[in-house]
């Protein structure tokens, strides 16, 4: 069942809390490993494709809540190997919203 009301708000706050933990680990470094793009960045950057979906479904702004994480994602996206391999955020969001509609219909 999809969350609503207080459960939805709690889930949103939990998600933001997880992102804030990542921001804490990132600190002021350009990448999680420091000055170089590394394995942790490779493991986490696919979640960037869902940032827009989180914003739309959670009714919050990633830039406001987690500016360091968004800046990190933009740095990662400057790498051609990253930008060419990740799906478009809007397409991911559209897919998720259609999937949500399907679940609600059941």
C-alpha atoms as a PDB file:
ATOM      1  CA  UNK A   1       0.000   0.000   0.000  1.00  0.00           C
ATOM      2  CA  UNK A   2       1.251   3.492  -0.812  1.00  0.00           C
ATOM      3  CA  UNK A   3       1.799   5.772   2.139  1.00  0.00           C
ATOM      4  CA  UNK A   4      -0.290   8.888   2.742  1.00  0.00           C
ATOM      5  CA  UNK A   5      -0.597  11.535   5.415  1.00  0.00           C
ATOM      6  CA  UNK A   6       1.654  11.075   8.433  1.00  0.00           C
ATOM      7  CA  UNK A   7       3.202   7.883   7.052  1.00  0.00           C
ATOM      8  CA  UNK A   8       4.119   9.677   3.822  1.00  0.00           C
ATOM      9  CA  UNK A   9       5.645  12.579   5.750  1.00  0.00           C
ATOM     10  CA  UNK A  10       7.624  10.182   7.959  1.00  0.00           C
ATOM     11  CA  UNK A  11       8.923   8.293   4.920  1.00  0.00           C
ATOM     12  CA  UNK A  12       9.927  11.581   3.264  1.00  0.00           C
ATOM     13  CA  UNK A  13      11.769  12.682   6.395  1.00  0.00           C
ATOM     14  CA  UNK A  14      13.524   9.308   6.618  1.00  0.00           C
ATOM     15  CA  UNK A  15      14.663   9.623   3.004  1.00  0.00           C
ATOM     16  CA  UNK A  16      15.943  13.157   3.542  1.00  0.00           C
ATOM     17  CA  UNK A  17      17.706  11.925   6.675  1.00  0.00           C
ATOM     18  CA  UNK A  18      19.509   9.264   4.634  1.00  0.00           C
ATOM     19  CA  UNK A  19      20.582  11.887   2.113  1.00  0.00           C
ATOM     20  CA  UNK A  20      21.847  14.098   4.940  1.00  0.00           C
ATOM     21  CA  UNK A  21      23.995  11.198   6.199  1.00  0.00           C
ATOM     22  CA  UNK A  22      25.513  10.979   2.709  1.00  0.00           C
ATOM     23  CA  UNK A  23      26.111  14.725   2.734  1.00  0.00           C
ATOM     24  CA  UNK A  24      27.886  14.347   6.052  1.00  0.00           C
ATOM     25  CA  UNK A  25      30.188  11.746   4.542  1.00  0.00           C
ATOM     26  CA  UNK A  26      30.775  13.900   1.482  1.00  0.00           C
ATOM     27  CA  UNK A  27      31.630  16.940   3.621  1.00  0.00           C
ATOM     28  CA  UNK A  28      33.273  19.549   1.364  1.00  0.00           C
ATOM     29  CA  UNK A  29      35.026  17.042  -0.896  1.00  0.00           C
ATOM     30  CA  UNK A  30      34.217  17.009  -4.599  1.00  0.00           C
ATOM     31  CA  UNK A  31      33.722  13.211  -4.543  1.00  0.00           C
ATOM     32  CA  UNK A  32      33.183  10.671  -1.793  1.00  0.00           C
ATOM     33  CA  UNK A  33      36.770   9.473  -2.173  1.00  0.00           C
ATOM     34  CA  UNK A  34      38.202  12.970  -2.106  1.00  0.00           C
ATOM     35  CA  UNK A  35      39.540  14.623  -5.243  1.00  0.00           C
ATOM     36  CA  UNK A  36      38.930  11.665  -7.561  1.00  0.00           C
ATOM     37  CA  UNK A  37      35.764  10.009  -8.819  1.00  0.00           C
ATOM     38  CA  UNK A  38      35.770   6.531  -7.301  1.00  0.00           C
ATOM     39  CA  UNK A  39      33.859   3.370  -6.526  1.00  0.00           C
ATOM     40  CA  UNK A  40      31.500   4.963  -3.974  1.00  0.00           C
ATOM     41  CA  UNK A  41      30.567   7.633  -6.516  1.00  0.00           C
ATOM     42  CA  UNK A  42      29.952   4.927  -9.127  1.00  0.00           C
ATOM     43  CA  UNK A  43      27.731   3.045  -6.675  1.00  0.00           C
ATOM     44  CA  UNK A  44      25.678   6.083  -5.661  1.00  0.00           C
ATOM     45  CA  UNK A  45      25.313   8.155  -8.828  1.00  0.00           C
ATOM     46  CA  UNK A  46      22.492   6.003 -10.302  1.00  0.00           C
ATOM     47  CA  UNK A  47      20.234   7.344  -7.532  1.00  0.00           C
ATOM     48  CA  UNK A  48      20.566  10.774  -9.115  1.00  0.00           C
ATOM     49  CA  UNK A  49      18.138   9.593 -11.800  1.00  0.00           C
ATOM     50  CA  UNK A  50      15.485   9.391  -9.067  1.00  0.00           C
ATOM     51  CA  UNK A  51      16.073  12.813  -7.469  1.00  0.00           C
ATOM     52  CA  UNK A  52      13.323  14.423  -9.554  1.00  0.00           C
ATOM     53  CA  UNK A  53      10.936  11.576  -8.683  1.00  0.00           C
ATOM     54  CA  UNK A  54      11.685  12.000  -4.977  1.00  0.00           C
ATOM     55  CA  UNK A  55      10.960  15.708  -5.297  1.00  0.00           C
ATOM     56  CA  UNK A  56       7.701  15.195  -7.181  1.00  0.00           C
ATOM     57  CA  UNK A  57       6.368  12.427  -4.961  1.00  0.00           C
ATOM     58  CA  UNK A  58       7.745  13.791  -1.704  1.00  0.00           C
ATOM     59  CA  UNK A  59       6.947  17.450  -2.351  1.00  0.00           C
ATOM     60  CA  UNK A  60      10.382  18.724  -1.365  1.00  0.00           C
ATOM     61  CA  UNK A  61      13.431  20.205  -3.050  1.00  0.00           C
ATOM     62  CA  UNK A  62      16.680  18.245  -3.178  1.00  0.00           C
ATOM     63  CA  UNK A  63      18.585  21.505  -3.732  1.00  0.00           C
ATOM     64  CA  UNK A  64      17.109  23.007  -0.569  1.00  0.00           C
ATOM     65  CA  UNK A  65      17.408  19.881   1.577  1.00  0.00           C
ATOM     66  CA  UNK A  66      20.707  18.468   0.290  1.00  0.00           C
ATOM     67  CA  UNK A  67      22.661  21.065  -1.709  1.00  0.00           C
ATOM     68  CA  UNK A  68      26.026  19.320  -1.327  1.00  0.00           C
ATOM     69  CA  UNK A  69      24.608  16.068  -2.668  1.00  0.00           C
ATOM     70  CA  UNK A  70      23.055  17.837  -5.663  1.00  0.00           C
ATOM     71  CA  UNK A  71      26.346  19.653  -6.378  1.00  0.00           C
ATOM     72  CA  UNK A  72      28.174  16.305  -6.173  1.00  0.00           C
ATOM     73  CA  UNK A  73      25.685  14.756  -8.623  1.00  0.00           C
ATOM     74  CA  UNK A  74      26.187  17.637 -11.063  1.00  0.00           C
ATOM     75  CA  UNK A  75      29.979  17.167 -10.859  1.00  0.00           C
ATOM     76  CA  UNK A  76      29.528  13.471 -11.580  1.00  0.00           C
ATOM     77  CA  UNK A  77      27.234  14.236 -14.516  1.00  0.00           C
ATOM     78  CA  UNK A  78      30.009  16.313 -16.085  1.00  0.00           C
ATOM     79  CA  UNK A  79      31.772  13.022 -16.763  1.00  0.00           C
ATOM     80  CA  UNK A  80      30.728  11.690 -20.142  1.00  0.00           C
ATOM     81  CA  UNK A  81      30.787   8.095 -18.883  1.00  0.00           C
ATOM     82  CA  UNK A  82      28.192   9.031 -16.272  1.00  0.00           C
ATOM     83  CA  UNK A  83      25.976  11.350 -18.293  1.00  0.00           C
ATOM     84  CA  UNK A  84      25.697   8.878 -21.173  1.00  0.00           C
ATOM     85  CA  UNK A  85      24.835   5.941 -18.930  1.00  0.00           C
ATOM     86  CA  UNK A  86      22.097   7.327 -16.668  1.00  0.00           C
ATOM     87  CA  UNK A  87      18.450   7.540 -17.704  1.00  0.00           C
ATOM     88  CA  UNK A  88      16.740  10.910 -17.959  1.00  0.00           C
ATOM     89  CA  UNK A  89      15.191  12.001 -14.645  1.00  0.00           C
ATOM     90  CA  UNK A  90      11.874  12.971 -16.228  1.00  0.00           C
ATOM     91  CA  UNK A  91      11.500   9.609 -17.961  1.00  0.00           C
ATOM     92  CA  UNK A  92      12.230   7.833 -14.672  1.00  0.00           C
ATOM     93  CA  UNK A  93       9.648  10.000 -12.917  1.00  0.00           C
ATOM     94  CA  UNK A  94       7.015   9.339 -15.594  1.00  0.00           C
ATOM     95  CA  UNK A  95       7.627   5.600 -15.306  1.00  0.00           C
ATOM     96  CA  UNK A  96       7.346   5.713 -11.499  1.00  0.00           C
ATOM     97  CA  UNK A  97       4.140   7.757 -11.627  1.00  0.00           C
ATOM     98  CA  UNK A  98       2.586   5.342 -14.111  1.00  0.00           C
ATOM     99  CA  UNK A  99       3.624   2.420 -11.902  1.00  0.00           C
ATOM    100  CA  UNK A 100       2.062   4.198  -8.908  1.00  0.00           C
ATOM    101  CA  UNK A 101      -1.214   4.600 -10.829  1.00  0.00           C
ATOM    102  CA  UNK A 102      -1.166   0.900 -11.641  1.00  0.00           C
ATOM    103  CA  UNK A 103      -0.659   0.009  -7.969  1.00  0.00           C
ATOM    104  CA  UNK A 104      -3.450   2.340  -6.884  1.00  0.00           C
ATOM    105  CA  UNK A 105      -5.813   0.715  -9.383  1.00  0.00           C
ATOM    106  CA  UNK A 106      -5.325  -2.716  -7.850  1.00  0.00           C
END
